[in-house]
Amino acid sequence: MKLSVYFVTPDGVDDALVLAALRGGASVVQLRDKTASDAEMLAQAQRLLPHLRAAGVPLVINDRIEVALACGAEGLHIGQSDGDPRQIRTLLGDGPLLGLSVETEAHVAAVPAGVDYLGVGPVRATASKPDHATPIGLDGLARMVAATRLPAVAIGGVGLADIPALKRAGCAGLAVVSAISAAPDPEAAARALAEAWRAA
């Protein structure tokens, strides 16, 4: 899986915004919506999947394993409070990817077998997730990425200007919400991120 431009959707995202990010070069789409019902999220996932698969871009469902299994998504992403990754891997089976958010070096040290990649952060405070953990900064990010062999994606207040530093830290990509969703032209914003990642 190419993790370079990992787009995490905001609550209430419409299909058009996801498709704009896809056209711009998002390499992964994580459908995350804390306000939608399982049925609503499943319906949206089913609408988006044909477009994502045509582009070769995996769909990852945030937190809701039932939705991920029902729609046949390529992956599931969970946080530290979303259950035991070992049990979730068993329920998920061997096929789909399993991503895990880590916020401290202790979290990195405790990652069990069965997790495929890490979301590391928050690097900075971010309005996209008001209840986020204490920001780790670029130095903390580099230490945490160095402590794992798993591919790692930086998340939390990161954007275009951070790409060279994220690459130096060993990240496989950056996960963004508002850098694409709040941009005047989401497609152009995704394209700029994708081109900058390739060039860095």
N, C-alpha and C. Protein backbone atom coordinates (compact mmCIF):
# COMPACT_ATOMS: atom_id res chain seq x y z
N MET A 1 0.85 -1.19 0.00
CA MET A 1 0.00 0.00 0.00
C MET A 1 0.89 1.24 0.00
N LYS A 2 0.57 2.16 -0.88
CA LYS A 2 1.30 3.42 -0.96
C LYS A 2 0.65 4.42 0.00
N LEU A 3 1.36 4.80 1.04
CA LEU A 3 0.78 5.60 2.12
C LEU A 3 1.04 7.10 1.98
N SER A 4 1.67 7.51 0.88
CA SER A 4 2.22 8.87 0.78
C SER A 4 1.23 9.98 1.11
N VAL A 5 0.08 10.01 0.44
CA VAL A 5 -0.93 11.04 0.72
C VAL A 5 -2.19 10.33 1.21
N TYR A 6 -2.31 10.28 2.52
CA TYR A 6 -3.33 9.49 3.21
C TYR A 6 -4.43 10.46 3.65
N PHE A 7 -5.55 10.45 2.93
CA PHE A 7 -6.63 11.40 3.20
C PHE A 7 -7.62 10.80 4.18
N VAL A 8 -7.78 11.46 5.32
CA VAL A 8 -8.76 11.07 6.34
C VAL A 8 -9.95 12.01 6.21
N THR A 9 -11.13 11.47 6.00
CA THR A 9 -12.29 12.32 5.72
C THR A 9 -12.79 13.01 7.00
N PRO A 10 -13.30 14.22 6.86
CA PRO A 10 -13.96 14.88 7.98
C PRO A 10 -15.37 14.31 8.17
N ASP A 11 -15.95 14.57 9.35
CA ASP A 11 -17.34 14.15 9.58
C ASP A 11 -18.25 14.76 8.52
N GLY A 12 -19.19 13.96 8.05
CA GLY A 12 -20.17 14.46 7.11
C GLY A 12 -19.64 14.70 5.71
N VAL A 13 -18.52 14.09 5.38
CA VAL A 13 -17.92 14.31 4.06
C VAL A 13 -18.88 13.88 2.95
N ASP A 14 -18.89 14.67 1.86
CA ASP A 14 -19.70 14.25 0.73
C ASP A 14 -18.82 13.51 -0.28
N ASP A 15 -19.45 12.72 -1.11
CA ASP A 15 -18.70 11.90 -2.07
C ASP A 15 -17.84 12.76 -2.97
N ALA A 16 -18.33 13.94 -3.35
CA ALA A 16 -17.61 14.79 -4.30
C ALA A 16 -16.24 15.19 -3.77
N LEU A 17 -16.15 15.45 -2.47
CA LEU A 17 -14.86 15.83 -1.88
C LEU A 17 -13.88 14.65 -1.94
N VAL A 18 -14.36 13.47 -1.64
CA VAL A 18 -13.49 12.28 -1.70
C VAL A 18 -13.00 12.06 -3.13
N LEU A 19 -13.89 12.20 -4.09
CA LEU A 19 -13.51 11.99 -5.49
C LEU A 19 -12.54 13.06 -5.97
N ALA A 20 -12.67 14.29 -5.45
CA ALA A 20 -11.72 15.34 -5.79
C ALA A 20 -10.33 14.99 -5.26
N ALA A 21 -10.27 14.51 -4.01
CA ALA A 21 -8.99 14.11 -3.43
C ALA A 21 -8.38 12.95 -4.22
N LEU A 22 -9.23 12.06 -4.67
CA LEU A 22 -8.79 10.91 -5.46
C LEU A 22 -8.18 11.39 -6.79
N ARG A 23 -8.87 12.29 -7.47
CA ARG A 23 -8.36 12.81 -8.75
C ARG A 23 -7.02 13.53 -8.55
N GLY A 24 -6.88 14.17 -7.40
CA GLY A 24 -5.66 14.92 -7.13
C GLY A 24 -4.46 14.06 -6.81
N GLY A 25 -4.71 12.81 -6.40
CA GLY A 25 -3.58 11.93 -6.13
C GLY A 25 -3.51 11.37 -4.73
N ALA A 26 -4.61 11.45 -3.96
CA ALA A 26 -4.62 10.77 -2.66
C ALA A 26 -4.32 9.29 -2.89
N SER A 27 -3.43 8.73 -2.08
CA SER A 27 -3.02 7.34 -2.30
C SER A 27 -3.77 6.36 -1.40
N VAL A 28 -4.41 6.87 -0.35
CA VAL A 28 -5.27 6.09 0.54
C VAL A 28 -6.41 7.01 0.96
N VAL A 29 -7.62 6.46 1.08
CA VAL A 29 -8.73 7.21 1.66
C VAL A 29 -9.21 6.46 2.89
N GLN A 30 -9.19 7.16 4.04
CA GLN A 30 -9.77 6.59 5.26
C GLN A 30 -11.11 7.26 5.50
N LEU A 31 -12.17 6.46 5.46
CA LEU A 31 -13.51 6.97 5.73
C LEU A 31 -13.71 7.00 7.24
N ARG A 32 -13.75 8.22 7.75
CA ARG A 32 -13.88 8.42 9.20
C ARG A 32 -15.03 9.39 9.43
N ASP A 33 -16.04 8.96 10.14
CA ASP A 33 -17.18 9.84 10.41
C ASP A 33 -17.78 9.44 11.75
N LYS A 34 -17.56 10.28 12.73
CA LYS A 34 -18.05 9.98 14.09
C LYS A 34 -19.54 10.29 14.22
N THR A 35 -20.15 10.90 13.21
CA THR A 35 -21.56 11.29 13.30
C THR A 35 -22.48 10.38 12.52
N ALA A 36 -21.95 9.65 11.54
CA ALA A 36 -22.78 8.80 10.69
C ALA A 36 -23.12 7.48 11.38
N SER A 37 -24.27 6.92 11.04
CA SER A 37 -24.61 5.58 11.50
C SER A 37 -23.80 4.56 10.70
N ASP A 38 -23.75 3.34 11.21
CA ASP A 38 -23.09 2.27 10.45
C ASP A 38 -23.71 2.12 9.06
N ALA A 39 -25.04 2.20 8.99
CA ALA A 39 -25.73 2.03 7.71
C ALA A 39 -25.35 3.15 6.74
N GLU A 40 -25.26 4.37 7.25
CA GLU A 40 -24.88 5.50 6.39
C GLU A 40 -23.44 5.37 5.91
N MET A 41 -22.57 4.95 6.83
CA MET A 41 -21.17 4.80 6.44
C MET A 41 -21.01 3.66 5.43
N LEU A 42 -21.72 2.58 5.64
CA LEU A 42 -21.66 1.45 4.70
C LEU A 42 -22.14 1.88 3.31
N ALA A 43 -23.23 2.61 3.26
CA ALA A 43 -23.76 3.06 1.97
C ALA A 43 -22.76 3.95 1.26
N GLN A 44 -22.12 4.84 2.01
CA GLN A 44 -21.13 5.72 1.38
C GLN A 44 -19.92 4.92 0.91
N ALA A 45 -19.47 4.00 1.71
CA ALA A 45 -18.33 3.16 1.32
C ALA A 45 -18.65 2.40 0.03
N GLN A 46 -19.85 1.88 -0.06
CA GLN A 46 -20.24 1.12 -1.25
C GLN A 46 -20.31 2.01 -2.49
N ARG A 47 -20.70 3.27 -2.30
CA ARG A 47 -20.72 4.21 -3.44
C ARG A 47 -19.31 4.57 -3.89
N LEU A 48 -18.39 4.71 -2.94
CA LEU A 48 -17.04 5.17 -3.25
C LEU A 48 -16.14 4.06 -3.77
N LEU A 49 -16.37 2.83 -3.32
CA LEU A 49 -15.43 1.75 -3.64
C LEU A 49 -15.16 1.56 -5.14
N PRO A 50 -16.17 1.58 -6.00
CA PRO A 50 -15.85 1.38 -7.42
C PRO A 50 -14.88 2.43 -7.97
N HIS A 51 -15.04 3.69 -7.54
CA HIS A 51 -14.15 4.76 -7.99
C HIS A 51 -12.73 4.55 -7.45
N LEU A 52 -12.64 4.19 -6.17
CA LEU A 52 -11.33 3.98 -5.55
C LEU A 52 -10.62 2.79 -6.18
N ARG A 53 -11.35 1.72 -6.41
CA ARG A 53 -10.73 0.52 -6.99
C ARG A 53 -10.28 0.78 -8.43
N ALA A 54 -11.05 1.56 -9.16
CA ALA A 54 -10.66 1.89 -10.53
C ALA A 54 -9.34 2.66 -10.54
N ALA A 55 -9.11 3.43 -9.48
CA ALA A 55 -7.88 4.22 -9.37
C ALA A 55 -6.76 3.47 -8.65
N GLY A 56 -7.06 2.27 -8.15
CA GLY A 56 -6.06 1.50 -7.41
C GLY A 56 -5.74 2.07 -6.04
N VAL A 57 -6.73 2.74 -5.45
CA VAL A 57 -6.53 3.39 -4.14
C VAL A 57 -7.34 2.64 -3.09
N PRO A 58 -6.69 2.18 -2.01
CA PRO A 58 -7.42 1.42 -0.99
C PRO A 58 -8.34 2.29 -0.14
N LEU A 59 -9.46 1.71 0.25
CA LEU A 59 -10.38 2.33 1.19
C LEU A 59 -10.14 1.70 2.56
N VAL A 60 -9.90 2.55 3.55
CA VAL A 60 -9.71 2.11 4.93
C VAL A 60 -10.87 2.68 5.74
N ILE A 61 -11.50 1.86 6.54
CA ILE A 61 -12.60 2.31 7.40
C ILE A 61 -12.03 2.59 8.79
N ASN A 62 -12.42 3.72 9.34
CA ASN A 62 -11.98 4.07 10.69
C ASN A 62 -12.86 3.39 11.73
N ASP A 63 -12.26 2.55 12.56
CA ASP A 63 -12.87 2.08 13.81
C ASP A 63 -13.96 1.02 13.67
N ARG A 64 -14.77 1.07 12.63
CA ARG A 64 -15.98 0.24 12.58
C ARG A 64 -15.73 -1.04 11.78
N ILE A 65 -15.38 -2.08 12.50
CA ILE A 65 -15.02 -3.34 11.84
C ILE A 65 -16.20 -3.94 11.08
N GLU A 66 -17.41 -3.77 11.61
CA GLU A 66 -18.58 -4.33 10.92
C GLU A 66 -18.75 -3.70 9.55
N VAL A 67 -18.52 -2.38 9.46
CA VAL A 67 -18.64 -1.68 8.18
C VAL A 67 -17.54 -2.15 7.23
N ALA A 68 -16.32 -2.26 7.76
CA ALA A 68 -15.19 -2.70 6.93
C ALA A 68 -15.44 -4.08 6.34
N LEU A 69 -15.94 -5.00 7.16
CA LEU A 69 -16.21 -6.36 6.68
C LEU A 69 -17.38 -6.39 5.70
N ALA A 70 -18.43 -5.60 5.99
CA ALA A 70 -19.63 -5.63 5.15
C ALA A 70 -19.37 -5.08 3.76
N CYS A 71 -18.50 -4.07 3.65
CA CYS A 71 -18.27 -3.48 2.33
C CYS A 71 -17.05 -4.07 1.62
N GLY A 72 -16.26 -4.87 2.34
CA GLY A 72 -15.07 -5.45 1.73
C GLY A 72 -13.96 -4.44 1.55
N ALA A 73 -13.87 -3.49 2.47
CA ALA A 73 -12.82 -2.47 2.39
C ALA A 73 -11.44 -3.11 2.47
N GLU A 74 -10.47 -2.40 1.93
CA GLU A 74 -9.10 -2.93 1.93
C GLU A 74 -8.45 -2.85 3.30
N GLY A 75 -9.02 -2.05 4.21
CA GLY A 75 -8.38 -1.94 5.51
C GLY A 75 -9.29 -1.37 6.58
N LEU A 76 -8.80 -1.46 7.81
CA LEU A 76 -9.45 -0.91 9.00
C LEU A 76 -8.38 -0.17 9.79
N HIS A 77 -8.73 1.00 10.32
CA HIS A 77 -7.79 1.74 11.16
C HIS A 77 -8.42 1.93 12.53
N ILE A 78 -7.65 1.64 13.58
CA ILE A 78 -8.15 1.75 14.94
C ILE A 78 -7.23 2.62 15.78
N GLY A 79 -7.81 3.18 16.85
CA GLY A 79 -7.05 3.95 17.81
C GLY A 79 -6.75 3.13 19.04
N GLN A 80 -6.09 3.76 19.99
CA GLN A 80 -5.69 3.06 21.22
C GLN A 80 -6.88 2.62 22.06
N SER A 81 -8.02 3.27 21.90
CA SER A 81 -9.19 2.94 22.74
C SER A 81 -10.24 2.12 21.97
N ASP A 82 -9.87 1.61 20.79
CA ASP A 82 -10.84 0.93 19.95
C ASP A 82 -10.79 -0.59 20.05
N GLY A 83 -10.09 -1.11 21.06
CA GLY A 83 -10.05 -2.56 21.24
C GLY A 83 -8.65 -3.12 21.07
N ASP A 84 -8.52 -4.41 21.36
CA ASP A 84 -7.24 -5.10 21.29
C ASP A 84 -6.93 -5.42 19.83
N PRO A 85 -5.82 -4.91 19.29
CA PRO A 85 -5.49 -5.17 17.89
C PRO A 85 -5.40 -6.66 17.55
N ARG A 86 -4.99 -7.49 18.52
CA ARG A 86 -4.90 -8.93 18.25
C ARG A 86 -6.29 -9.52 17.98
N GLN A 87 -7.23 -9.16 18.83
CA GLN A 87 -8.60 -9.66 18.64
C GLN A 87 -9.20 -9.11 17.35
N ILE A 88 -8.93 -7.84 17.06
CA ILE A 88 -9.47 -7.22 15.86
C ILE A 88 -8.87 -7.88 14.62
N ARG A 89 -7.58 -8.19 14.66
CA ARG A 89 -6.97 -8.89 13.53
C ARG A 89 -7.63 -10.25 13.31
N THR A 90 -7.95 -10.95 14.39
CA THR A 90 -8.62 -12.25 14.27
C THR A 90 -9.98 -12.10 13.60
N LEU A 91 -10.74 -11.09 14.03
CA LEU A 91 -12.06 -10.86 13.45
C LEU A 91 -11.96 -10.40 11.99
N LEU A 92 -10.94 -9.64 11.70
CA LEU A 92 -10.78 -9.06 10.37
C LEU A 92 -10.31 -10.10 9.35
N GLY A 93 -9.57 -11.10 9.83
CA GLY A 93 -8.99 -12.08 8.92
C GLY A 93 -7.65 -11.59 8.40
N ASP A 94 -7.04 -12.40 7.54
CA ASP A 94 -5.68 -12.10 7.08
C ASP A 94 -5.62 -11.09 5.95
N GLY A 95 -6.71 -10.94 5.20
CA GLY A 95 -6.65 -10.12 3.98
C GLY A 95 -6.51 -8.62 4.20
N PRO A 96 -7.46 -8.00 4.91
CA PRO A 96 -7.44 -6.54 5.02
C PRO A 96 -6.25 -6.02 5.83
N LEU A 97 -5.86 -4.81 5.51
CA LEU A 97 -4.82 -4.12 6.28
C LEU A 97 -5.38 -3.67 7.62
N LEU A 98 -4.51 -3.61 8.62
CA LEU A 98 -4.89 -3.09 9.93
C LEU A 98 -3.91 -2.00 10.32
N GLY A 99 -4.44 -0.80 10.46
CA GLY A 99 -3.63 0.34 10.91
C GLY A 99 -3.95 0.67 12.36
N LEU A 100 -2.95 1.18 13.07
CA LEU A 100 -3.10 1.51 14.49
C LEU A 100 -2.51 2.88 14.77
N SER A 101 -3.26 3.71 15.48
CA SER A 101 -2.74 5.01 15.90
C SER A 101 -1.88 4.85 17.15
N VAL A 102 -0.72 5.49 17.16
CA VAL A 102 0.16 5.48 18.33
C VAL A 102 0.51 6.92 18.68
N GLU A 103 0.52 7.19 19.98
CA GLU A 103 0.69 8.57 20.46
C GLU A 103 1.92 8.75 21.33
N THR A 104 2.53 7.65 21.74
CA THR A 104 3.70 7.70 22.63
C THR A 104 4.69 6.61 22.23
N GLU A 105 5.91 6.74 22.73
CA GLU A 105 6.91 5.70 22.46
C GLU A 105 6.51 4.38 23.11
N ALA A 106 5.80 4.44 24.24
CA ALA A 106 5.32 3.21 24.88
C ALA A 106 4.31 2.50 23.98
N HIS A 107 3.46 3.27 23.31
CA HIS A 107 2.50 2.65 22.37
C HIS A 107 3.24 1.91 21.26
N VAL A 108 4.29 2.54 20.74
CA VAL A 108 5.06 1.92 19.65
C VAL A 108 5.67 0.60 20.13
N ALA A 109 6.22 0.61 21.34
CA ALA A 109 6.86 -0.59 21.88
C ALA A 109 5.87 -1.73 22.10
N ALA A 110 4.58 -1.39 22.26
CA ALA A 110 3.57 -2.40 22.58
C ALA A 110 2.77 -2.88 21.37
N VAL A 111 3.14 -2.44 20.17
CA VAL A 111 2.37 -2.83 18.98
C VAL A 111 2.50 -4.34 18.76
N PRO A 112 1.38 -5.06 18.69
CA PRO A 112 1.46 -6.51 18.52
C PRO A 112 1.60 -6.91 17.05
N ALA A 113 1.93 -8.16 16.84
CA ALA A 113 1.91 -8.72 15.48
C ALA A 113 0.50 -8.60 14.92
N GLY A 114 0.42 -8.45 13.61
CA GLY A 114 -0.89 -8.34 12.96
C GLY A 114 -1.24 -6.94 12.53
N VAL A 115 -0.52 -5.94 13.07
CA VAL A 115 -0.71 -4.55 12.64
C VAL A 115 0.19 -4.31 11.43
N ASP A 116 -0.35 -3.64 10.41
CA ASP A 116 0.38 -3.47 9.15
C ASP A 116 1.08 -2.11 9.02
N TYR A 117 0.51 -1.07 9.62
CA TYR A 117 1.13 0.25 9.55
C TYR A 117 0.67 1.07 10.75
N LEU A 118 1.38 2.16 11.02
CA LEU A 118 1.07 3.01 12.17
C LEU A 118 0.73 4.43 11.73
N GLY A 119 -0.22 5.02 12.41
CA GLY A 119 -0.47 6.45 12.31
C GLY A 119 0.17 7.08 13.54
N VAL A 120 1.17 7.93 13.34
CA VAL A 120 1.98 8.43 14.45
C VAL A 120 1.68 9.92 14.67
N GLY A 121 1.28 10.25 15.89
CA GLY A 121 0.99 11.65 16.17
C GLY A 121 0.08 11.79 17.39
N PRO A 122 -0.46 12.98 17.61
CA PRO A 122 -0.39 14.11 16.71
C PRO A 122 0.97 14.81 16.73
N VAL A 123 1.42 15.19 15.55
CA VAL A 123 2.67 15.94 15.49
C VAL A 123 2.47 17.32 16.10
N ARG A 124 1.33 17.93 15.76
CA ARG A 124 0.97 19.23 16.32
C ARG A 124 -0.50 19.20 16.75
N ALA A 125 -0.90 20.21 17.49
CA ALA A 125 -2.32 20.35 17.83
C ALA A 125 -3.11 20.56 16.54
N THR A 126 -4.31 20.01 16.51
CA THR A 126 -5.13 20.12 15.30
C THR A 126 -6.59 20.27 15.66
N ALA A 127 -7.27 21.16 14.93
CA ALA A 127 -8.70 21.37 15.16
C ALA A 127 -9.53 20.22 14.63
N SER A 128 -8.93 19.37 13.77
CA SER A 128 -9.70 18.26 13.19
C SER A 128 -10.06 17.21 14.22
N LYS A 129 -9.28 17.17 15.32
CA LYS A 129 -9.55 16.19 16.38
C LYS A 129 -9.32 16.89 17.72
N PRO A 130 -10.34 17.57 18.23
CA PRO A 130 -10.17 18.38 19.44
C PRO A 130 -9.70 17.59 20.67
N ASP A 131 -10.00 16.29 20.73
CA ASP A 131 -9.63 15.49 21.91
C ASP A 131 -8.31 14.76 21.72
N HIS A 132 -7.44 15.30 20.87
CA HIS A 132 -6.18 14.61 20.57
C HIS A 132 -5.25 14.56 21.79
N ALA A 133 -4.29 13.65 21.71
CA ALA A 133 -3.28 13.51 22.76
C ALA A 133 -2.27 14.67 22.68
N THR A 134 -1.34 14.68 23.61
CA THR A 134 -0.31 15.72 23.63
C THR A 134 0.54 15.63 22.36
N PRO A 135 0.72 16.76 21.65
CA PRO A 135 1.52 16.72 20.43
C PRO A 135 2.95 16.25 20.70
N ILE A 136 3.49 15.49 19.74
CA ILE A 136 4.82 14.90 19.92
C ILE A 136 5.92 15.70 19.22
N GLY A 137 5.53 16.59 18.31
CA GLY A 137 6.53 17.38 17.59
C GLY A 137 7.31 16.53 16.59
N LEU A 138 8.11 17.19 15.77
CA LEU A 138 8.88 16.46 14.75
C LEU A 138 9.96 15.58 15.37
N ASP A 139 10.52 16.01 16.48
CA ASP A 139 11.55 15.19 17.14
C ASP A 139 10.94 13.91 17.70
N GLY A 140 9.80 14.04 18.35
CA GLY A 140 9.12 12.86 18.88
C GLY A 140 8.69 11.92 17.77
N LEU A 141 8.23 12.51 16.68
CA LEU A 141 7.86 11.70 15.51
C LEU A 141 9.05 10.88 15.03
N ALA A 142 10.19 11.53 14.87
CA ALA A 142 11.37 10.83 14.37
C ALA A 142 11.78 9.68 15.29
N ARG A 143 11.70 9.92 16.60
CA ARG A 143 12.06 8.85 17.56
C ARG A 143 11.11 7.68 17.44
N MET A 144 9.82 7.96 17.31
CA MET A 144 8.83 6.89 17.27
C MET A 144 8.92 6.10 15.96
N VAL A 145 9.17 6.81 14.86
CA VAL A 145 9.31 6.12 13.58
C VAL A 145 10.56 5.23 13.59
N ALA A 146 11.63 5.73 14.22
CA ALA A 146 12.87 4.95 14.29
C ALA A 146 12.72 3.70 15.15
N ALA A 147 11.70 3.70 16.03
CA ALA A 147 11.53 2.59 16.97
C ALA A 147 10.67 1.46 16.41
N THR A 148 10.24 1.57 15.16
CA THR A 148 9.39 0.52 14.58
C THR A 148 9.88 0.16 13.19
N ARG A 149 9.62 -1.08 12.80
CA ARG A 149 9.90 -1.50 11.42
C ARG A 149 8.68 -1.33 10.53
N LEU A 150 7.55 -1.00 11.13
CA LEU A 150 6.32 -0.85 10.35
C LEU A 150 6.32 0.50 9.62
N PRO A 151 5.69 0.57 8.44
CA PRO A 151 5.54 1.86 7.79
C PRO A 151 4.73 2.80 8.68
N ALA A 152 5.11 4.05 8.71
CA ALA A 152 4.48 5.02 9.60
C ALA A 152 4.03 6.25 8.83
N VAL A 153 2.84 6.72 9.18
CA VAL A 153 2.27 7.91 8.58
C VAL A 153 2.14 8.96 9.67
N ALA A 154 2.66 10.16 9.40
CA ALA A 154 2.55 11.25 10.36
C ALA A 154 1.15 11.86 10.29
N ILE A 155 0.57 12.18 11.44
CA ILE A 155 -0.75 12.79 11.46
C ILE A 155 -0.79 13.87 12.54
N GLY A 156 -1.63 14.87 12.30
CA GLY A 156 -1.85 15.92 13.29
C GLY A 156 -1.18 17.23 12.92
N GLY A 157 -1.92 18.08 12.23
CA GLY A 157 -1.41 19.41 11.92
C GLY A 157 -0.27 19.45 10.93
N VAL A 158 -0.12 18.40 10.11
CA VAL A 158 0.96 18.37 9.13
C VAL A 158 0.41 18.75 7.76
N GLY A 159 1.29 19.32 6.93
CA GLY A 159 0.86 19.76 5.62
C GLY A 159 2.03 19.84 4.66
N LEU A 160 1.80 20.56 3.60
CA LEU A 160 2.74 20.63 2.48
C LEU A 160 4.15 21.00 2.91
N ALA A 161 4.27 22.02 3.75
CA ALA A 161 5.60 22.52 4.14
C ALA A 161 6.39 21.51 4.97
N ASP A 162 5.69 20.54 5.56
CA ASP A 162 6.36 19.56 6.43
C ASP A 162 6.95 18.38 5.69
N ILE A 163 6.62 18.23 4.42
CA ILE A 163 6.97 16.99 3.71
C ILE A 163 8.47 16.67 3.75
N PRO A 164 9.37 17.62 3.49
CA PRO A 164 10.79 17.26 3.57
C PRO A 164 11.19 16.73 4.95
N ALA A 165 10.68 17.37 6.02
CA ALA A 165 11.02 16.92 7.37
C ALA A 165 10.42 15.56 7.68
N LEU A 166 9.22 15.29 7.18
CA LEU A 166 8.59 13.99 7.41
C LEU A 166 9.36 12.89 6.70
N LYS A 167 9.83 13.19 5.50
CA LYS A 167 10.64 12.19 4.79
C LYS A 167 11.95 11.94 5.52
N ARG A 168 12.57 12.99 6.02
CA ARG A 168 13.83 12.82 6.79
C ARG A 168 13.59 11.98 8.03
N ALA A 169 12.41 12.11 8.62
CA ALA A 169 12.07 11.35 9.84
C ALA A 169 11.79 9.88 9.53
N GLY A 170 11.70 9.54 8.25
CA GLY A 170 11.47 8.14 7.88
C GLY A 170 10.02 7.78 7.65
N CYS A 171 9.15 8.77 7.58
CA CYS A 171 7.72 8.48 7.38
C CYS A 171 7.46 7.95 5.97
N ALA A 172 6.45 7.09 5.88
CA ALA A 172 6.01 6.57 4.59
C ALA A 172 4.97 7.48 3.95
N GLY A 173 4.48 8.45 4.72
CA GLY A 173 3.49 9.37 4.19
C GLY A 173 2.98 10.31 5.26
N LEU A 174 2.03 11.16 4.85
CA LEU A 174 1.39 12.04 5.82
C LEU A 174 -0.12 11.87 5.70
N ALA A 175 -0.78 11.85 6.85
CA ALA A 175 -2.23 11.75 6.90
C ALA A 175 -2.79 13.13 7.16
N VAL A 176 -3.73 13.54 6.31
CA VAL A 176 -4.28 14.89 6.41
C VAL A 176 -5.79 14.85 6.37
N VAL A 177 -6.39 15.81 7.05
CA VAL A 177 -7.83 16.04 6.97
C VAL A 177 -8.04 17.40 6.30
N SER A 178 -7.82 18.46 7.07
CA SER A 178 -8.15 19.80 6.59
C SER A 178 -7.24 20.30 5.48
N ALA A 179 -6.02 19.76 5.38
CA ALA A 179 -5.12 20.20 4.30
C ALA A 179 -5.74 19.95 2.93
N ILE A 180 -6.64 18.97 2.86
CA ILE A 180 -7.40 18.73 1.62
C ILE A 180 -8.83 19.21 1.77
N SER A 181 -9.50 18.81 2.85
CA SER A 181 -10.95 19.06 2.95
C SER A 181 -11.29 20.54 3.11
N ALA A 182 -10.39 21.33 3.73
CA ALA A 182 -10.68 22.75 3.94
C ALA A 182 -10.06 23.64 2.86
N ALA A 183 -9.39 23.03 1.90
CA ALA A 183 -8.75 23.81 0.84
C ALA A 183 -9.81 24.36 -0.13
N PRO A 184 -9.57 25.54 -0.70
CA PRO A 184 -10.51 26.07 -1.69
C PRO A 184 -10.70 25.14 -2.88
N ASP A 185 -9.64 24.43 -3.24
CA ASP A 185 -9.68 23.46 -4.34
C ASP A 185 -9.07 22.16 -3.83
N PRO A 186 -9.89 21.25 -3.30
CA PRO A 186 -9.36 20.02 -2.71
C PRO A 186 -8.54 19.18 -3.69
N GLU A 187 -8.96 19.13 -4.95
CA GLU A 187 -8.21 18.35 -5.93
C GLU A 187 -6.80 18.92 -6.11
N ALA A 188 -6.70 20.24 -6.23
CA ALA A 188 -5.39 20.88 -6.39
C ALA A 188 -4.54 20.69 -5.13
N ALA A 189 -5.17 20.73 -3.95
CA ALA A 189 -4.43 20.54 -2.70
C ALA A 189 -3.86 19.13 -2.62
N ALA A 190 -4.67 18.14 -2.99
CA ALA A 190 -4.18 16.75 -2.99
C ALA A 190 -3.05 16.58 -4.00
N ARG A 191 -3.19 17.22 -5.16
CA ARG A 191 -2.16 17.11 -6.20
C ARG A 191 -0.84 17.73 -5.72
N ALA A 192 -0.94 18.87 -5.05
CA ALA A 192 0.26 19.52 -4.55
C ALA A 192 0.98 18.65 -3.52
N LEU A 193 0.22 18.00 -2.66
CA LEU A 193 0.82 17.09 -1.67
C LEU A 193 1.48 15.91 -2.35
N ALA A 194 0.79 15.32 -3.33
CA ALA A 194 1.34 14.15 -4.02
C ALA A 194 2.62 14.50 -4.77
N GLU A 195 2.61 15.66 -5.44
CA GLU A 195 3.80 16.05 -6.21
C GLU A 195 4.95 16.39 -5.29
N ALA A 196 4.66 17.05 -4.16
CA ALA A 196 5.71 17.41 -3.21
C ALA A 196 6.31 16.16 -2.57
N TRP A 197 5.47 15.15 -2.29
CA TRP A 197 5.98 13.91 -1.69
C TRP A 197 6.93 13.21 -2.67
N ARG A 198 6.52 13.17 -3.93
CA ARG A 198 7.39 12.52 -4.94
C ARG A 198 8.71 13.27 -5.10
N ALA A 199 8.64 14.59 -5.01
CA ALA A 199 9.83 15.41 -5.27
C ALA A 199 10.79 15.47 -4.08
N ALA A 200 10.28 15.24 -2.90
CA ALA A 200 11.11 15.43 -1.68
C ALA A 200 12.20 14.35 -1.58
